[in-house]
Amino acid sequence: MNTYNNIMRLFWLTLSIALFIIVTYMCFTKGFEKWAFYYVFVAVGFTMYFFKTWMMKRMEKHLQFLKEKQESANK
């Protein structure tokens, strides 16, 4: 599961960076007014990346808590 989480986290980061580059290029070539709305998708991608990172850290802390709880119950 950890491998899947890392792959998905990198997927969102890569997608966000690629979208940022593409949208910025299209803004300069086709016009900012027409392509500015697509920055919303860039923001969603970065939000998903940070959310995924936060959730992974949260899950690690929770697993550590469960492990400590299990160890204290066995004593």
PDB file of N, CA and C in Angstrom:
ATOM      1  N   MET A   1       0.818  -1.192   0.000  1.00  0.00           N
ATOM      2  CA  MET A   1       0.000   0.000   0.000  1.00  0.00           C
ATOM      3  C   MET A   1       0.864   1.258   0.000  1.00  0.00           C
ATOM      4  N   ASN A   2       2.011   1.168   0.646  1.00  0.00           N
ATOM      5  CA  ASN A   2       2.900   2.323   0.692  1.00  0.00           C
ATOM      6  C   ASN A   2       3.423   2.675  -0.695  1.00  0.00           C
ATOM      7  N   THR A   3       3.696   1.665  -1.509  1.00  0.00           N
ATOM      8  CA  THR A   3       4.159   1.911  -2.875  1.00  0.00           C
ATOM      9  C   THR A   3       3.081   2.614  -3.682  1.00  0.00           C
ATOM     10  N   TYR A   4       1.851   2.147  -3.545  1.00  0.00           N
ATOM     11  CA  TYR A   4       0.736   2.777  -4.251  1.00  0.00           C
ATOM     12  C   TYR A   4       0.587   4.244  -3.838  1.00  0.00           C
ATOM     13  N   ASN A   5       0.681   4.510  -2.547  1.00  0.00           N
ATOM     14  CA  ASN A   5       0.549   5.887  -2.068  1.00  0.00           C
ATOM     15  C   ASN A   5       1.646   6.784  -2.615  1.00  0.00           C
ATOM     16  N   ASN A   6       2.864   6.288  -2.644  1.00  0.00           N
ATOM     17  CA  ASN A   6       3.968   7.081  -3.194  1.00  0.00           C
ATOM     18  C   ASN A   6       3.786   7.335  -4.687  1.00  0.00           C
ATOM     19  N   ILE A   7       3.334   6.316  -5.418  1.00  0.00           N
ATOM     20  CA  ILE A   7       3.107   6.488  -6.855  1.00  0.00           C
ATOM     21  C   ILE A   7       2.020   7.526  -7.096  1.00  0.00           C
ATOM     22  N   MET A   8       0.930   7.450  -6.350  1.00  0.00           N
ATOM     23  CA  MET A   8      -0.158   8.409  -6.537  1.00  0.00           C
ATOM     24  C   MET A   8       0.253   9.824  -6.129  1.00  0.00           C
ATOM     25  N   ARG A   9       1.066   9.925  -5.088  1.00  0.00           N
ATOM     26  CA  ARG A   9       1.547  11.248  -4.677  1.00  0.00           C
ATOM     27  C   ARG A   9       2.412  11.863  -5.774  1.00  0.00           C
ATOM     28  N   LEU A  10       3.306  11.066  -6.344  1.00  0.00           N
ATOM     29  CA  LEU A  10       4.135  11.566  -7.436  1.00  0.00           C
ATOM     30  C   LEU A  10       3.312  11.833  -8.690  1.00  0.00           C
ATOM     31  N   PHE A  11       2.271  11.046  -8.916  1.00  0.00           N
ATOM     32  CA  PHE A  11       1.378  11.286 -10.051  1.00  0.00           C
ATOM     33  C   PHE A  11       0.744  12.667  -9.956  1.00  0.00           C
ATOM     34  N   TRP A  12       0.212  13.018  -8.775  1.00  0.00           N
ATOM     35  CA  TRP A  12      -0.433  14.315  -8.625  1.00  0.00           C
ATOM     36  C   TRP A  12       0.567  15.456  -8.769  1.00  0.00           C
ATOM     37  N   LEU A  13       1.767  15.283  -8.263  1.00  0.00           N
ATOM     38  CA  LEU A  13       2.782  16.323  -8.400  1.00  0.00           C
ATOM     39  C   LEU A  13       3.176  16.493  -9.862  1.00  0.00           C
ATOM     40  N   THR A  14       3.419  15.392 -10.556  1.00  0.00           N
ATOM     41  CA  THR A  14       3.802  15.446 -11.971  1.00  0.00           C
ATOM     42  C   THR A  14       2.687  16.050 -12.809  1.00  0.00           C
ATOM     43  N   LEU A  15       1.460  15.626 -12.559  1.00  0.00           N
ATOM     44  CA  LEU A  15       0.321  16.165 -13.297  1.00  0.00           C
ATOM     45  C   LEU A  15       0.192  17.668 -13.077  1.00  0.00           C
ATOM     46  N   SER A  16       0.358  18.108 -11.859  1.00  0.00           N
ATOM     47  CA  SER A  16       0.234  19.532 -11.543  1.00  0.00           C
ATOM     48  C   SER A  16       1.296  20.360 -12.246  1.00  0.00           C
ATOM     49  N   ILE A  17       2.523  19.873 -12.218  1.00  0.00           N
ATOM     50  CA  ILE A  17       3.618  20.603 -12.867  1.00  0.00           C
ATOM     51  C   ILE A  17       3.407  20.645 -14.374  1.00  0.00           C
ATOM     52  N   ALA A  18       3.026  19.510 -14.960  1.00  0.00           N
ATOM     53  CA  ALA A  18       2.788  19.463 -16.403  1.00  0.00           C
ATOM     54  C   ALA A  18       1.641  20.387 -16.798  1.00  0.00           C
ATOM     55  N   LEU A  19       0.562  20.355 -16.032  1.00  0.00           N
ATOM     56  CA  LEU A  19      -0.571  21.243 -16.328  1.00  0.00           C
ATOM     57  C   LEU A  19      -0.181  22.704 -16.193  1.00  0.00           C
ATOM     58  N   PHE A  20       0.612  23.028 -15.201  1.00  0.00           N
ATOM     59  CA  PHE A  20       1.050  24.410 -15.025  1.00  0.00           C
ATOM     60  C   PHE A  20       1.849  24.883 -16.241  1.00  0.00           C
ATOM     61  N   ILE A  21       2.749  24.042 -16.703  1.00  0.00           N
ATOM     62  CA  ILE A  21       3.568  24.411 -17.865  1.00  0.00           C
ATOM     63  C   ILE A  21       2.695  24.564 -19.108  1.00  0.00           C
ATOM     64  N   ILE A  22       1.797  23.621 -19.327  1.00  0.00           N
ATOM     65  CA  ILE A  22       0.935  23.667 -20.513  1.00  0.00           C
ATOM     66  C   ILE A  22       0.006  24.873 -20.478  1.00  0.00           C
ATOM     67  N   VAL A  23      -0.639  25.102 -19.343  1.00  0.00           N
ATOM     68  CA  VAL A  23      -1.582  26.225 -19.247  1.00  0.00           C
ATOM     69  C   VAL A  23      -0.850  27.557 -19.380  1.00  0.00           C
ATOM     70  N   THR A  24       0.315  27.676 -18.779  1.00  0.00           N
ATOM     71  CA  THR A  24       1.084  28.911 -18.890  1.00  0.00           C
ATOM     72  C   THR A  24       1.497  29.151 -20.333  1.00  0.00           C
ATOM     73  N   TYR A  25       1.945  28.122 -21.008  1.00  0.00           N
ATOM     74  CA  TYR A  25       2.312  28.256 -22.424  1.00  0.00           C
ATOM     75  C   TYR A  25       1.105  28.687 -23.257  1.00  0.00           C
ATOM     76  N   MET A  26      -0.043  28.052 -23.028  1.00  0.00           N
ATOM     77  CA  MET A  26      -1.239  28.393 -23.792  1.00  0.00           C
ATOM     78  C   MET A  26      -1.721  29.809 -23.473  1.00  0.00           C
ATOM     79  N   CYS A  27      -1.527  30.255 -22.243  1.00  0.00           N
ATOM     80  CA  CYS A  27      -1.900  31.627 -21.895  1.00  0.00           C
ATOM     81  C   CYS A  27      -1.083  32.637 -22.686  1.00  0.00           C
ATOM     82  N   PHE A  28       0.202  32.362 -22.847  1.00  0.00           N
ATOM     83  CA  PHE A  28       1.046  33.291 -23.579  1.00  0.00           C
ATOM     84  C   PHE A  28       0.799  33.234 -25.084  1.00  0.00           C
ATOM     85  N   THR A  29       0.457  32.065 -25.602  1.00  0.00           N
ATOM     86  CA  THR A  29       0.279  31.949 -27.053  1.00  0.00           C
ATOM     87  C   THR A  29      -1.149  32.219 -27.515  1.00  0.00           C
ATOM     88  N   LYS A  30      -2.153  31.783 -26.770  1.00  0.00           N
ATOM     89  CA  LYS A  30      -3.546  31.901 -27.209  1.00  0.00           C
ATOM     90  C   LYS A  30      -4.313  33.025 -26.524  1.00  0.00           C
ATOM     91  N   GLY A  31      -3.788  33.522 -25.431  1.00  0.00           N
ATOM     92  CA  GLY A  31      -4.467  34.607 -24.726  1.00  0.00           C
ATOM     93  C   GLY A  31      -4.826  34.206 -23.308  1.00  0.00           C
ATOM     94  N   PHE A  32      -4.541  35.107 -22.405  1.00  0.00           N
ATOM     95  CA  PHE A  32      -4.743  34.821 -20.990  1.00  0.00           C
ATOM     96  C   PHE A  32      -6.225  34.690 -20.646  1.00  0.00           C
ATOM     97  N   GLU A  33      -7.054  35.507 -21.269  1.00  0.00           N
ATOM     98  CA  GLU A  33      -8.485  35.500 -20.946  1.00  0.00           C
ATOM     99  C   GLU A  33      -9.122  34.145 -21.232  1.00  0.00           C
ATOM    100  N   LYS A  34      -8.661  33.492 -22.287  1.00  0.00           N
ATOM    101  CA  LYS A  34      -9.252  32.215 -22.692  1.00  0.00           C
ATOM    102  C   LYS A  34      -8.764  31.050 -21.832  1.00  0.00           C
ATOM    103  N   TRP A  35      -7.528  31.091 -21.363  1.00  0.00           N
ATOM    104  CA  TRP A  35      -6.920  29.944 -20.688  1.00  0.00           C
ATOM    105  C   TRP A  35      -6.733  30.122 -19.186  1.00  0.00           C
ATOM    106  N   ALA A  36      -7.058  31.264 -18.640  1.00  0.00           N
ATOM    107  CA  ALA A  36      -6.834  31.512 -17.207  1.00  0.00           C
ATOM    108  C   ALA A  36      -7.654  30.569 -16.333  1.00  0.00           C
ATOM    109  N   PHE A  37      -8.837  30.190 -16.792  1.00  0.00           N
ATOM    110  CA  PHE A  37      -9.692  29.311 -16.001  1.00  0.00           C
ATOM    111  C   PHE A  37      -9.023  27.965 -15.727  1.00  0.00           C
ATOM    112  N   TYR A  38      -8.164  27.508 -16.607  1.00  0.00           N
ATOM    113  CA  TYR A  38      -7.554  26.187 -16.461  1.00  0.00           C
ATOM    114  C   TYR A  38      -6.551  26.120 -15.309  1.00  0.00           C
ATOM    115  N   TYR A  39      -6.197  27.260 -14.741  1.00  0.00           N
ATOM    116  CA  TYR A  39      -5.355  27.232 -13.545  1.00  0.00           C
ATOM    117  C   TYR A  39      -6.084  26.600 -12.368  1.00  0.00           C
ATOM    118  N   VAL A  40      -7.389  26.517 -12.446  1.00  0.00           N
ATOM    119  CA  VAL A  40      -8.165  25.823 -11.414  1.00  0.00           C
ATOM    120  C   VAL A  40      -7.738  24.356 -11.347  1.00  0.00           C
ATOM    121  N   PHE A  41      -7.518  23.738 -12.495  1.00  0.00           N
ATOM    122  CA  PHE A  41      -7.091  22.341 -12.527  1.00  0.00           C
ATOM    123  C   PHE A  41      -5.682  22.173 -11.965  1.00  0.00           C
ATOM    124  N   VAL A  42      -4.843  23.158 -12.181  1.00  0.00           N
ATOM    125  CA  VAL A  42      -3.500  23.140 -11.593  1.00  0.00           C
ATOM    126  C   VAL A  42      -3.617  23.197 -10.067  1.00  0.00           C
ATOM    127  N   ALA A  43      -4.479  24.067  -9.577  1.00  0.00           N
ATOM    128  CA  ALA A  43      -4.677  24.186  -8.132  1.00  0.00           C
ATOM    129  C   ALA A  43      -5.246  22.891  -7.543  1.00  0.00           C
ATOM    130  N   VAL A  44      -6.158  22.257  -8.258  1.00  0.00           N
ATOM    131  CA  VAL A  44      -6.717  20.985  -7.782  1.00  0.00           C
ATOM    132  C   VAL A  44      -5.627  19.921  -7.706  1.00  0.00           C
ATOM    133  N   GLY A  45      -4.761  19.877  -8.709  1.00  0.00           N
ATOM    134  CA  GLY A  45      -3.666  18.905  -8.708  1.00  0.00           C
ATOM    135  C   GLY A  45      -2.719  19.107  -7.537  1.00  0.00           C
ATOM    136  N   PHE A  46      -2.318  20.362  -7.291  1.00  0.00           N
ATOM    137  CA  PHE A  46      -1.439  20.631  -6.156  1.00  0.00           C
ATOM    138  C   PHE A  46      -2.140  20.356  -4.830  1.00  0.00           C
ATOM    139  N   THR A  47      -3.427  20.654  -4.761  1.00  0.00           N
ATOM    140  CA  THR A  47      -4.182  20.367  -3.549  1.00  0.00           C
ATOM    141  C   THR A  47      -4.218  18.867  -3.281  1.00  0.00           C
ATOM    142  N   MET A  48      -4.426  18.076  -4.314  1.00  0.00           N
ATOM    143  CA  MET A  48      -4.440  16.622  -4.150  1.00  0.00           C
ATOM    144  C   MET A  48      -3.070  16.108  -3.710  1.00  0.00           C
ATOM    145  N   TYR A  49      -2.002  16.688  -4.252  1.00  0.00           N
ATOM    146  CA  TYR A  49      -0.658  16.286  -3.847  1.00  0.00           C
ATOM    147  C   TYR A  49      -0.432  16.549  -2.357  1.00  0.00           C
ATOM    148  N   PHE A  50      -0.775  17.762  -1.899  1.00  0.00           N
ATOM    149  CA  PHE A  50      -0.566  18.091  -0.491  1.00  0.00           C
ATOM    150  C   PHE A  50      -1.508  17.299   0.411  1.00  0.00           C
ATOM    151  N   PHE A  51      -2.720  17.055  -0.048  1.00  0.00           N
ATOM    152  CA  PHE A  51      -3.656  16.251   0.729  1.00  0.00           C
ATOM    153  C   PHE A  51      -3.150  14.817   0.863  1.00  0.00           C
ATOM    154  N   LYS A  52      -2.629  14.261  -0.224  1.00  0.00           N
ATOM    155  CA  LYS A  52      -2.100  12.899  -0.197  1.00  0.00           C
ATOM    156  C   LYS A  52      -0.903  12.817   0.752  1.00  0.00           C
ATOM    157  N   THR A  53      -0.020  13.798   0.712  1.00  0.00           N
ATOM    158  CA  THR A  53       1.138  13.825   1.599  1.00  0.00           C
ATOM    159  C   THR A  53       0.698  13.909   3.057  1.00  0.00           C
ATOM    160  N   TRP A  54      -0.264  14.760   3.341  1.00  0.00           N
ATOM    161  CA  TRP A  54      -0.779  14.919   4.699  1.00  0.00           C
ATOM    162  C   TRP A  54      -1.414  13.625   5.197  1.00  0.00           C
ATOM    163  N   MET A  55      -2.192  12.985   4.346  1.00  0.00           N
ATOM    164  CA  MET A  55      -2.855  11.747   4.745  1.00  0.00           C
ATOM    165  C   MET A  55      -1.850  10.616   4.971  1.00  0.00           C
ATOM    166  N   MET A  56      -0.787  10.570   4.173  1.00  0.00           N
ATOM    167  CA  MET A  56       0.233   9.541   4.372  1.00  0.00           C
ATOM    168  C   MET A  56       0.922   9.716   5.723  1.00  0.00           C
ATOM    169  N   LYS A  57       1.255  10.960   6.085  1.00  0.00           N
ATOM    170  CA  LYS A  57       1.879  11.219   7.383  1.00  0.00           C
ATOM    171  C   LYS A  57       0.919  10.883   8.519  1.00  0.00           C
ATOM    172  N   ARG A  58      -0.339  11.223   8.326  1.00  0.00           N
ATOM    173  CA  ARG A  58      -1.346  10.936   9.338  1.00  0.00           C
ATOM    174  C   ARG A  58      -1.504   9.426   9.541  1.00  0.00           C
ATOM    175  N   MET A  59      -1.500   8.679   8.437  1.00  0.00           N
ATOM    176  CA  MET A  59      -1.638   7.230   8.530  1.00  0.00           C
ATOM    177  C   MET A  59      -0.428   6.599   9.216  1.00  0.00           C
ATOM    178  N   GLU A  60       0.771   7.100   8.938  1.00  0.00           N
ATOM    179  CA  GLU A  60       1.967   6.587   9.604  1.00  0.00           C
ATOM    180  C   GLU A  60       1.888   6.805  11.111  1.00  0.00           C
ATOM    181  N   LYS A  61       1.433   7.988  11.523  1.00  0.00           N
ATOM    182  CA  LYS A  61       1.289   8.257  12.955  1.00  0.00           C
ATOM    183  C   LYS A  61       0.234   7.349  13.574  1.00  0.00           C
ATOM    184  N   HIS A  62      -0.843   7.111  12.853  1.00  0.00           N
ATOM    185  CA  HIS A  62      -1.899   6.246  13.375  1.00  0.00           C
ATOM    186  C   HIS A  62      -1.411   4.798  13.500  1.00  0.00           C
ATOM    187  N   LEU A  63      -0.677   4.316  12.521  1.00  0.00           N
ATOM    188  CA  LEU A  63      -0.145   2.960  12.587  1.00  0.00           C
ATOM    189  C   LEU A  63       0.843   2.820  13.746  1.00  0.00           C
ATOM    190  N   GLN A  64       1.637   3.862  13.969  1.00  0.00           N
ATOM    191  CA  GLN A  64       2.571   3.841  15.097  1.00  0.00           C
ATOM    192  C   GLN A  64       1.800   3.807  16.416  1.00  0.00           C
ATOM    193  N   PHE A  65       0.730   4.575  16.495  1.00  0.00           N
ATOM    194  CA  PHE A  65      -0.117   4.574  17.694  1.00  0.00           C
ATOM    195  C   PHE A  65      -0.714   3.191  17.939  1.00  0.00           C
ATOM    196  N   LEU A  66      -1.218   2.561  16.886  1.00  0.00           N
ATOM    197  CA  LEU A  66      -1.800   1.224  17.034  1.00  0.00           C
ATOM    198  C   LEU A  66      -0.757   0.202  17.461  1.00  0.00           C
ATOM    199  N   LYS A  67       0.449   0.345  16.920  1.00  0.00           N
ATOM    200  CA  LYS A  67       1.536  -0.571  17.297  1.00  0.00           C
ATOM    201  C   LYS A  67       1.890  -0.400  18.772  1.00  0.00           C
ATOM    202  N   GLU A  68       1.997   0.827  19.223  1.00  0.00           N
ATOM    203  CA  GLU A  68       2.296   1.069  20.636  1.00  0.00           C
ATOM    204  C   GLU A  68       1.172   0.572  21.535  1.00  0.00           C
ATOM    205  N   LYS A  69      -0.054   0.760  21.103  1.00  0.00           N
ATOM    206  CA  LYS A  69      -1.197   0.290  21.870  1.00  0.00           C
ATOM    207  C   LYS A  69      -1.191  -1.226  21.973  1.00  0.00           C
ATOM    208  N   GLN A  70      -0.867  -1.909  20.879  1.00  0.00           N
ATOM    209  CA  GLN A  70      -0.800  -3.364  20.859  1.00  0.00           C
ATOM    210  C   GLN A  70       0.328  -3.869  21.769  1.00  0.00           C
ATOM    211  N   GLU A  71       1.466  -3.184  21.733  1.00  0.00           N
ATOM    212  CA  GLU A  71       2.587  -3.577  22.583  1.00  0.00           C
ATOM    213  C   GLU A  71       2.268  -3.384  24.056  1.00  0.00           C
ATOM    214  N   SER A  72       1.579  -2.307  24.385  1.00  0.00           N
ATOM    215  CA  SER A  72       1.232  -2.086  25.790  1.00  0.00           C
ATOM    216  C   SER A  72       0.156  -3.059  26.257  1.00  0.00           C
ATOM    217  N   ALA A  73      -0.700  -3.512  25.364  1.00  0.00           N
ATOM    218  CA  ALA A  73      -1.729  -4.487  25.738  1.00  0.00           C
ATOM    219  C   ALA A  73      -1.119  -5.864  25.955  1.00  0.00           C
ATOM    220  N   ASN A  74      -0.016  -6.182  25.276  1.00  0.00           N
ATOM    221  CA  ASN A  74       0.636  -7.474  25.425  1.00  0.00           C
ATOM    222  C   ASN A  74       1.467  -7.567  26.703  1.00  0.00           C
ATOM    223  N   LYS A  75       1.788  -6.460  27.303  1.00  0.00           N
ATOM    224  CA  LYS A  75       2.625  -6.470  28.514  1.00  0.00           C
ATOM    225  C   LYS A  75       1.829  -6.758  29.744  1.00  0.00           C
TER     226      LYS A  75
END
